[in-house]
PDB file of N, CA and C in Angstrom:
ATOM      1  N   UNK A   1    -271.814 -10.824  61.007  1.00  0.00           N
ATOM      2  CA  UNK A   1    -271.084 -10.592  62.114  1.00  0.00           C
ATOM      3  C   UNK A   1    -271.181  -9.818  63.184  1.00  0.00           C
ATOM      4  N   UNK A   2    -271.401 -10.625  64.485  1.00  0.00           N
ATOM      5  CA  UNK A   2    -271.457  -9.467  65.690  1.00  0.00           C
ATOM      6  C   UNK A   2    -270.224  -8.775  66.315  1.00  0.00           C
ATOM      7  N   UNK A   3    -269.357  -9.719  66.438  1.00  0.00           N
ATOM      8  CA  UNK A   3    -268.055  -9.282  66.894  1.00  0.00           C
ATOM      9  C   UNK A   3    -267.514  -8.357  65.585  1.00  0.00           C
ATOM     10  N   UNK A   4    -266.455  -7.544  66.453  1.00  0.00           N
ATOM     11  CA  UNK A   4    -264.893  -6.871  65.785  1.00  0.00           C
ATOM     12  C   UNK A   4    -264.268  -7.893  65.573  1.00  0.00           C
ATOM     13  N   UNK A   5    -263.643  -8.232  64.040  1.00  0.00           N
ATOM     14  CA  UNK A   5    -262.959  -8.702  63.740  1.00  0.00           C
ATOM     15  C   UNK A   5    -261.671  -8.818  63.227  1.00  0.00           C
ATOM     16  N   UNK A   6    -262.040  -7.388  62.365  1.00  0.00           N
ATOM     17  CA  UNK A   6    -261.107  -6.319  61.342  1.00  0.00           C
ATOM     18  C   UNK A   6    -260.919  -5.308  62.540  1.00  0.00           C
ATOM     19  N   UNK A   7    -259.646  -4.671  62.634  1.00  0.00           N
ATOM     20  CA  UNK A   7    -259.227  -3.193  63.582  1.00  0.00           C
ATOM     21  C   UNK A   7    -259.620  -2.384  62.449  1.00  0.00           C
ATOM     22  N   UNK A   8    -259.693  -1.210  63.002  1.00  0.00           N
ATOM     23  CA  UNK A   8    -259.788   0.297  62.304  1.00  0.00           C
ATOM     24  C   UNK A   8    -259.139   0.617  61.374  1.00  0.00           C
ATOM     25  N   UNK A   9    -257.430  -0.102  61.725  1.00  0.00           N
ATOM     26  CA  UNK A   9    -256.986   0.114  60.395  1.00  0.00           C
ATOM     27  C   UNK A   9    -257.255  -0.329  59.474  1.00  0.00           C
ATOM     28  N   UNK A  10    -257.671  -2.128  59.313  1.00  0.00           N
ATOM     29  CA  UNK A  10    -258.212  -2.727  58.134  1.00  0.00           C
ATOM     30  C   UNK A  10    -259.321  -2.167  57.851  1.00  0.00           C
ATOM     31  N   UNK A  11    -260.070  -1.401  58.245  1.00  0.00           N
ATOM     32  CA  UNK A  11    -261.628  -0.706  57.999  1.00  0.00           C
ATOM     33  C   UNK A  11    -260.886   0.238  57.365  1.00  0.00           C
ATOM     34  N   UNK A  12    -260.332   0.673  57.249  1.00  0.00           N
ATOM     35  CA  UNK A  12    -259.940   2.170  56.814  1.00  0.00           C
ATOM     36  C   UNK A  12    -259.626   2.179  55.488  1.00  0.00           C
ATOM     37  N   UNK A  13    -258.363   1.179  55.658  1.00  0.00           N
ATOM     38  CA  UNK A  13    -257.692   0.773  54.288  1.00  0.00           C
ATOM     39  C   UNK A  13    -258.808  -0.071  53.370  1.00  0.00           C
ATOM     40  N   UNK A  14    -260.187  -0.768  54.360  1.00  0.00           N
ATOM     41  CA  UNK A  14    -260.644  -1.381  52.862  1.00  0.00           C
ATOM     42  C   UNK A  14    -261.594  -0.388  52.628  1.00  0.00           C
ATOM     43  N   UNK A  15    -262.314   0.787  53.139  1.00  0.00           N
ATOM     44  CA  UNK A  15    -262.406   2.251  52.372  1.00  0.00           C
ATOM     45  C   UNK A  15    -262.134   2.452  51.651  1.00  0.00           C
ATOM     46  N   UNK A  16    -260.942   2.417  51.851  1.00  0.00           N
ATOM     47  CA  UNK A  16    -259.528   3.659  50.916  1.00  0.00           C
ATOM     48  C   UNK A  16    -260.177   2.862  49.318  1.00  0.00           C
ATOM     49  N   UNK A  17    -259.675   1.271  49.246  1.00  0.00           N
ATOM     50  CA  UNK A  17    -259.837   0.557  48.033  1.00  0.00           C
ATOM     51  C   UNK A  17    -261.377   0.787  47.484  1.00  0.00           C
ATOM     52  N   UNK A  18    -262.880   0.635  48.091  1.00  0.00           N
ATOM     53  CA  UNK A  18    -263.646   1.234  47.666  1.00  0.00           C
ATOM     54  C   UNK A  18    -263.605   2.347  47.273  1.00  0.00           C
ATOM     55  N   UNK A  19    -263.397   3.190  47.994  1.00  0.00           N
ATOM     56  CA  UNK A  19    -263.355   4.869  47.287  1.00  0.00           C
ATOM     57  C   UNK A  19    -262.891   5.542  46.573  1.00  0.00           C
ATOM     58  N   UNK A  20    -261.719   4.778  46.383  1.00  0.00           N
ATOM     59  CA  UNK A  20    -260.267   5.203  44.986  1.00  0.00           C
ATOM     60  C   UNK A  20    -260.759   4.399  44.097  1.00  0.00           C
ATOM     61  N   UNK A  21    -260.831   3.344  44.378  1.00  0.00           N
ATOM     62  CA  UNK A  21    -260.688   2.185  43.032  1.00  0.00           C
ATOM     63  C   UNK A  21    -262.281   1.135  42.860  1.00  0.00           C
ATOM     64  N   UNK A  22    -263.125   1.856  43.607  1.00  0.00           N
ATOM     65  CA  UNK A  22    -264.759   1.420  43.003  1.00  0.00           C
ATOM     66  C   UNK A  22    -264.963  -0.230  43.126  1.00  0.00           C
ATOM     67  N   UNK A  23    -264.073  -0.853  44.745  1.00  0.00           N
ATOM     68  CA  UNK A  23    -264.322  -2.358  44.755  1.00  0.00           C
ATOM     69  C   UNK A  23    -266.012  -2.946  45.337  1.00  0.00           C
ATOM     70  N   UNK A  24    -266.457  -3.444  44.447  1.00  0.00           N
ATOM     71  CA  UNK A  24    -267.378  -4.259  45.092  1.00  0.00           C
ATOM     72  C   UNK A  24    -267.836  -5.404  45.483  1.00  0.00           C
ATOM     73  N   UNK A  25    -266.126  -6.523  44.935  1.00  0.00           N
ATOM     74  CA  UNK A  25    -266.245  -7.160  45.931  1.00  0.00           C
ATOM     75  C   UNK A  25    -264.569  -7.614  45.886  1.00  0.00           C
ATOM     76  N   UNK A  26    -264.583  -8.813  47.016  1.00  0.00           N
ATOM     77  CA  UNK A  26    -262.900  -8.965  47.486  1.00  0.00           C
ATOM     78  C   UNK A  26    -263.820 -10.422  47.526  1.00  0.00           C
ATOM     79  N   UNK A  27    -263.176 -11.610  46.592  1.00  0.00           N
ATOM     80  CA  UNK A  27    -263.479 -13.016  47.543  1.00  0.00           C
ATOM     81  C   UNK A  27    -261.920 -13.678  47.673  1.00  0.00           C
ATOM     82  N   UNK A  28    -261.986 -14.259  48.809  1.00  0.00           N
ATOM     83  CA  UNK A  28    -260.617 -15.337  49.229  1.00  0.00           C
ATOM     84  C   UNK A  28    -261.412 -16.990  49.455  1.00  0.00           C
ATOM     85  N   UNK A  29    -260.618 -17.443  47.948  1.00  0.00           N
ATOM     86  CA  UNK A  29    -260.732 -18.742  48.393  1.00  0.00           C
ATOM     87  C   UNK A  29    -259.568 -19.522  48.141  1.00  0.00           C
ATOM     88  N   UNK A  30    -259.256 -21.196  47.935  1.00  0.00           N
ATOM     89  CA  UNK A  30    -258.327 -21.680  47.867  1.00  0.00           C
ATOM     90  C   UNK A  30    -257.186 -20.726  46.458  1.00  0.00           C
ATOM     91  N   UNK A  31    -257.756 -20.669  45.338  1.00  0.00           N
ATOM     92  CA  UNK A  31    -256.782 -20.310  44.510  1.00  0.00           C
ATOM     93  C   UNK A  31    -256.313 -18.660  44.776  1.00  0.00           C
ATOM     94  N   UNK A  32    -256.806 -18.101  45.563  1.00  0.00           N
ATOM     95  CA  UNK A  32    -256.202 -16.609  46.150  1.00  0.00           C
ATOM     96  C   UNK A  32    -257.225 -15.615  46.431  1.00  0.00           C
ATOM     97  N   UNK A  33    -256.894 -14.018  46.081  1.00  0.00           N
ATOM     98  CA  UNK A  33    -257.423 -13.475  46.306  1.00  0.00           C
ATOM     99  C   UNK A  33    -257.780 -12.997  45.252  1.00  0.00           C
ATOM    100  N   UNK A  34    -259.573 -13.033  44.565  1.00  0.00           N
ATOM    101  CA  UNK A  34    -260.087 -12.607  43.435  1.00  0.00           C
ATOM    102  C   UNK A  34    -261.147 -10.846  43.767  1.00  0.00           C
ATOM    103  N   UNK A  35    -260.533 -10.167  43.030  1.00  0.00           N
ATOM    104  CA  UNK A  35    -261.214  -8.581  42.950  1.00  0.00           C
ATOM    105  C   UNK A  35    -262.358  -8.448  41.951  1.00  0.00           C
ATOM    106  N   UNK A  36    -263.006  -7.819  41.708  1.00  0.00           N
ATOM    107  CA  UNK A  36    -263.964  -7.213  40.895  1.00  0.00           C
ATOM    108  C   UNK A  36    -263.467  -6.086  39.999  1.00  0.00           C
ATOM    109  N   UNK A  37    -262.131  -5.518  40.311  1.00  0.00           N
ATOM    110  CA  UNK A  37    -261.064  -4.434  39.880  1.00  0.00           C
ATOM    111  C   UNK A  37    -259.780  -4.776  40.028  1.00  0.00           C
ATOM    112  N   UNK A  38    -258.945  -5.789  38.575  1.00  0.00           N
ATOM    113  CA  UNK A  38    -257.903  -6.616  38.947  1.00  0.00           C
ATOM    114  C   UNK A  38    -256.844  -5.319  38.783  1.00  0.00           C
ATOM    115  N   UNK A  39    -257.340  -4.105  38.241  1.00  0.00           N
ATOM    116  CA  UNK A  39    -255.772  -3.073  38.273  1.00  0.00           C
ATOM    117  C   UNK A  39    -255.683  -2.626  39.233  1.00  0.00           C
ATOM    118  N   UNK A  40    -256.022  -3.096  40.413  1.00  0.00           N
ATOM    119  CA  UNK A  40    -255.579  -2.534  41.840  1.00  0.00           C
ATOM    120  C   UNK A  40    -254.762  -2.746  41.912  1.00  0.00           C
ATOM    121  N   UNK A  41    -254.065  -4.521  41.359  1.00  0.00           N
ATOM    122  CA  UNK A  41    -252.454  -4.907  41.519  1.00  0.00           C
ATOM    123  C   UNK A  41    -251.820  -4.898  40.125  1.00  0.00           C
ATOM    124  N   UNK A  42    -252.018  -4.238  39.423  1.00  0.00           N
ATOM    125  CA  UNK A  42    -251.315  -4.302  37.952  1.00  0.00           C
ATOM    126  C   UNK A  42    -250.398  -2.842  37.890  1.00  0.00           C
ATOM    127  N   UNK A  43    -249.076  -2.878  37.324  1.00  0.00           N
ATOM    128  CA  UNK A  43    -248.101  -2.204  36.901  1.00  0.00           C
ATOM    129  C   UNK A  43    -247.671  -0.640  38.083  1.00  0.00           C
ATOM    130  N   UNK A  44    -247.824  -1.383  39.453  1.00  0.00           N
ATOM    131  CA  UNK A  44    -247.168  -0.391  40.277  1.00  0.00           C
ATOM    132  C   UNK A  44    -246.872  -1.645  41.198  1.00  0.00           C
ATOM    133  N   UNK A  45    -245.269  -1.739  41.276  1.00  0.00           N
ATOM    134  CA  UNK A  45    -244.894  -2.273  43.264  1.00  0.00           C
ATOM    135  C   UNK A  45    -245.226  -2.077  43.911  1.00  0.00           C
ATOM    136  N   UNK A  46    -245.497  -0.549  44.261  1.00  0.00           N
ATOM    137  CA  UNK A  46    -245.958   0.065  45.497  1.00  0.00           C
ATOM    138  C   UNK A  46    -247.105  -0.963  46.301  1.00  0.00           C
ATOM    139  N   UNK A  47    -248.140  -1.169  44.936  1.00  0.00           N
ATOM    140  CA  UNK A  47    -249.478  -1.422  45.575  1.00  0.00           C
ATOM    141  C   UNK A  47    -249.280  -3.329  46.376  1.00  0.00           C
ATOM    142  N   UNK A  48    -247.949  -3.330  46.321  1.00  0.00           N
ATOM    143  CA  UNK A  48    -247.899  -5.032  46.540  1.00  0.00           C
ATOM    144  C   UNK A  48    -248.004  -5.052  48.479  1.00  0.00           C
ATOM    145  N   UNK A  49    -247.852  -3.751  48.586  1.00  0.00           N
ATOM    146  CA  UNK A  49    -248.570  -3.105  50.164  1.00  0.00           C
ATOM    147  C   UNK A  49    -249.283  -3.736  50.767  1.00  0.00           C
ATOM    148  N   UNK A  50    -250.560  -2.966  49.351  1.00  0.00           N
ATOM    149  CA  UNK A  50    -252.141  -3.290  49.203  1.00  0.00           C
ATOM    150  C   UNK A  50    -252.435  -4.692  49.358  1.00  0.00           C
ATOM    151  N   UNK A  51    -251.615  -5.711  48.551  1.00  0.00           N
ATOM    152  CA  UNK A  51    -251.977  -7.042  48.685  1.00  0.00           C
ATOM    153  C   UNK A  51    -251.637  -7.688  49.501  1.00  0.00           C
ATOM    154  N   UNK A  52    -250.434  -7.352  49.884  1.00  0.00           N
ATOM    155  CA  UNK A  52    -249.807  -7.607  51.782  1.00  0.00           C
ATOM    156  C   UNK A  52    -250.981  -7.822  52.946  1.00  0.00           C
ATOM    157  N   UNK A  53    -251.590  -5.913  52.869  1.00  0.00           N
ATOM    158  CA  UNK A  53    -253.149  -5.689  54.018  1.00  0.00           C
ATOM    159  C   UNK A  53    -254.001  -6.973  54.067  1.00  0.00           C
ATOM    160  N   UNK A  54    -254.001  -7.266  52.140  1.00  0.00           N
ATOM    161  CA  UNK A  54    -255.838  -7.561  51.978  1.00  0.00           C
ATOM    162  C   UNK A  54    -255.297  -9.174  52.197  1.00  0.00           C
ATOM    163  N   UNK A  55    -254.130  -9.843  52.509  1.00  0.00           N
ATOM    164  CA  UNK A  55    -253.488 -11.529  52.906  1.00  0.00           C
ATOM    165  C   UNK A  55    -254.306 -11.272  54.674  1.00  0.00           C
ATOM    166  N   UNK A  56    -253.319  -9.873  54.618  1.00  0.00           N
ATOM    167  CA  UNK A  56    -253.860 -10.462  56.880  1.00  0.00           C
ATOM    168  C   UNK A  56    -255.171 -10.464  56.755  1.00  0.00           C
ATOM    169  N   UNK A  57    -255.970  -9.574  55.986  1.00  0.00           N
ATOM    170  CA  UNK A  57    -257.721  -9.045  56.611  1.00  0.00           C
ATOM    171  C   UNK A  57    -258.053 -10.972  55.929  1.00  0.00           C
ATOM    172  N   UNK A  58    -257.665 -10.811  55.242  1.00  0.00           N
ATOM    173  CA  UNK A  58    -258.323 -12.652  55.090  1.00  0.00           C
ATOM    174  C   UNK A  58    -257.830 -13.642  55.574  1.00  0.00           C
ATOM    175  N   UNK A  59    -256.607 -13.825  56.010  1.00  0.00           N
ATOM    176  CA  UNK A  59    -256.473 -14.689  57.313  1.00  0.00           C
ATOM    177  C   UNK A  59    -257.304 -14.563  58.625  1.00  0.00           C
ATOM    178  N   UNK A  60    -257.234 -13.114  59.202  1.00  0.00           N
ATOM    179  CA  UNK A  60    -258.260 -13.121  60.132  1.00  0.00           C
ATOM    180  C   UNK A  60    -259.275 -13.229  59.603  1.00  0.00           C
ATOM    181  N   UNK A  61    -260.359 -13.114  59.058  1.00  0.00           N
ATOM    182  CA  UNK A  61    -261.455 -14.038  58.406  1.00  0.00           C
ATOM    183  C   UNK A  61    -261.833 -14.898  58.184  1.00  0.00           C
ATOM    184  N   UNK A  62    -260.920 -15.446  58.180  1.00  0.00           N
ATOM    185  CA  UNK A  62    -260.804 -17.087  57.250  1.00  0.00           C
ATOM    186  C   UNK A  62    -260.639 -17.847  58.804  1.00  0.00           C
ATOM    187  N   UNK A  63    -259.778 -17.529  58.947  1.00  0.00           N
ATOM    188  CA  UNK A  63    -259.473 -18.001  60.963  1.00  0.00           C
ATOM    189  C   UNK A  63    -260.795 -18.293  62.047  1.00  0.00           C
ATOM    190  N   UNK A  64    -261.611 -16.619  61.390  1.00  0.00           N
ATOM    191  CA  UNK A  64    -262.734 -16.874  62.445  1.00  0.00           C
ATOM    192  C   UNK A  64    -264.124 -17.422  61.706  1.00  0.00           C
ATOM    193  N   UNK A  65    -263.886 -16.869  60.246  1.00  0.00           N
ATOM    194  CA  UNK A  65    -265.313 -17.854  59.722  1.00  0.00           C
ATOM    195  C   UNK A  65    -265.161 -19.533  59.601  1.00  0.00           C
ATOM    196  N   UNK A  66    -263.901 -20.415  59.866  1.00  0.00           N
ATOM    197  CA  UNK A  66    -263.550 -21.613  59.418  1.00  0.00           C
ATOM    198  C   UNK A  66    -264.345 -21.768  57.776  1.00  0.00           C
ATOM    199  N   UNK A  67    -263.733 -20.735  57.145  1.00  0.00           N
ATOM    200  CA  UNK A  67    -264.751 -20.823  55.861  1.00  0.00           C
ATOM    201  C   UNK A  67    -263.817 -20.070  54.216  1.00  0.00           C
ATOM    202  N   UNK A  68    -263.817 -20.073  53.555  1.00  0.00           N
ATOM    203  CA  UNK A  68    -263.558 -18.957  51.992  1.00  0.00           C
ATOM    204  C   UNK A  68    -264.947 -18.332  52.106  1.00  0.00           C
ATOM    205  N   UNK A  69    -264.440 -16.988  51.619  1.00  0.00           N
ATOM    206  CA  UNK A  69    -265.395 -15.812  52.118  1.00  0.00           C
ATOM    207  C   UNK A  69    -265.048 -15.157  51.498  1.00  0.00           C
ATOM    208  N   UNK A  70    -266.697 -14.267  50.892  1.00  0.00           N
ATOM    209  CA  UNK A  70    -266.640 -13.246  50.055  1.00  0.00           C
ATOM    210  C   UNK A  70    -267.112 -12.018  50.839  1.00  0.00           C
ATOM    211  N   UNK A  71    -266.654 -11.182  50.554  1.00  0.00           N
ATOM    212  CA  UNK A  71    -267.098  -9.575  50.614  1.00  0.00           C
ATOM    213  C   UNK A  71    -267.656  -8.350  49.309  1.00  0.00           C
ATOM    214  N   UNK A  72    -268.214  -8.284  49.913  1.00  0.00           N
ATOM    215  CA  UNK A  72    -268.939  -7.876  48.984  1.00  0.00           C
ATOM    216  C   UNK A  72    -269.491  -5.716  49.608  1.00  0.00           C
ATOM    217  N   UNK A  73    -269.679  -5.331  49.198  1.00  0.00           N
ATOM    218  CA  UNK A  73    -269.325  -3.783  49.314  1.00  0.00           C
ATOM    219  C   UNK A  73    -270.333  -3.049  48.466  1.00  0.00           C
ATOM    220  N   UNK A  74    -270.836  -1.574  49.181  1.00  0.00           N
ATOM    221  CA  UNK A  74    -272.167  -1.198  48.585  1.00  0.00           C
ATOM    222  C   UNK A  74    -271.917   0.112  48.525  1.00  0.00           C
ATOM    223  N   UNK A  75    -272.972   0.914  48.017  1.00  0.00           N
ATOM    224  CA  UNK A  75    -272.291   2.204  47.861  1.00  0.00           C
ATOM    225  C   UNK A  75    -271.797   3.331  49.037  1.00  0.00           C
ATOM    226  N   UNK A  76    -272.322   2.766  50.117  1.00  0.00           N
ATOM    227  CA  UNK A  76    -271.853   3.776  51.344  1.00  0.00           C
ATOM    228  C   UNK A  76    -271.278   2.417  52.304  1.00  0.00           C
ATOM    229  N   UNK A  77    -270.318   1.809  51.291  1.00  0.00           N
ATOM    230  CA  UNK A  77    -269.034   1.630  52.469  1.00  0.00           C
ATOM    231  C   UNK A  77    -269.845   0.564  53.678  1.00  0.00           C
ATOM    232  N   UNK A  78    -270.625  -0.381  53.245  1.00  0.00           N
ATOM    233  CA  UNK A  78    -271.340  -1.428  53.665  1.00  0.00           C
ATOM    234  C   UNK A  78    -270.752  -2.591  53.429  1.00  0.00           C
ATOM    235  N   UNK A  79    -270.511  -3.650  53.930  1.00  0.00           N
ATOM    236  CA  UNK A  79    -269.912  -4.996  53.290  1.00  0.00           C
ATOM    237  C   UNK A  79    -270.680  -5.667  54.248  1.00  0.00           C
ATOM    238  N   UNK A  80    -271.163  -7.216  53.057  1.00  0.00           N
ATOM    239  CA  UNK A  80    -271.188  -8.031  53.825  1.00  0.00           C
ATOM    240  C   UNK A  80    -270.817  -9.651  53.806  1.00  0.00           C
ATOM    241  N   UNK A  81    -270.344 -10.121  54.647  1.00  0.00           N
ATOM    242  CA  UNK A  81    -268.753 -11.321  54.568  1.00  0.00           C
ATOM    243  C   UNK A  81    -270.006 -12.617  54.102  1.00  0.00           C
ATOM    244  N   UNK A  82    -270.136 -13.135  53.536  1.00  0.00           N
ATOM    245  CA  UNK A  82    -270.708 -14.357  53.233  1.00  0.00           C
ATOM    246  C   UNK A  82    -269.735 -15.698  52.500  1.00  0.00           C
ATOM    247  N   UNK A  83    -269.904 -16.800  53.925  1.00  0.00           N
ATOM    248  CA  UNK A  83    -269.058 -17.514  53.131  1.00  0.00           C
ATOM    249  C   UNK A  83    -269.111 -18.148  51.928  1.00  0.00           C
ATOM    250  N   UNK A  84    -268.374 -18.930  50.853  1.00  0.00           N
ATOM    251  CA  UNK A  84    -268.223 -19.430  49.839  1.00  0.00           C
ATOM    252  C   UNK A  84    -267.548 -20.752  49.697  1.00  0.00           C
TER     253      UNK A  84
END
């Protein structure tokens, strides 16, 4: 993708998830949001904000891509977005 679809705040949020929770991928499809680390949303109601932000990010990308997709992260917080 050559266009900046995500805001700086979106990117900082994703970087935080990657750095603190070891996020390797996020998949957005018809069944919802799937993460490699489901502990991100377990046992803490404050993490509801995380889910809301991920939902907003997914809406932006899904609208632009017109498809379900998966974000794959690397060790240096680079990520690829792949249509699924």
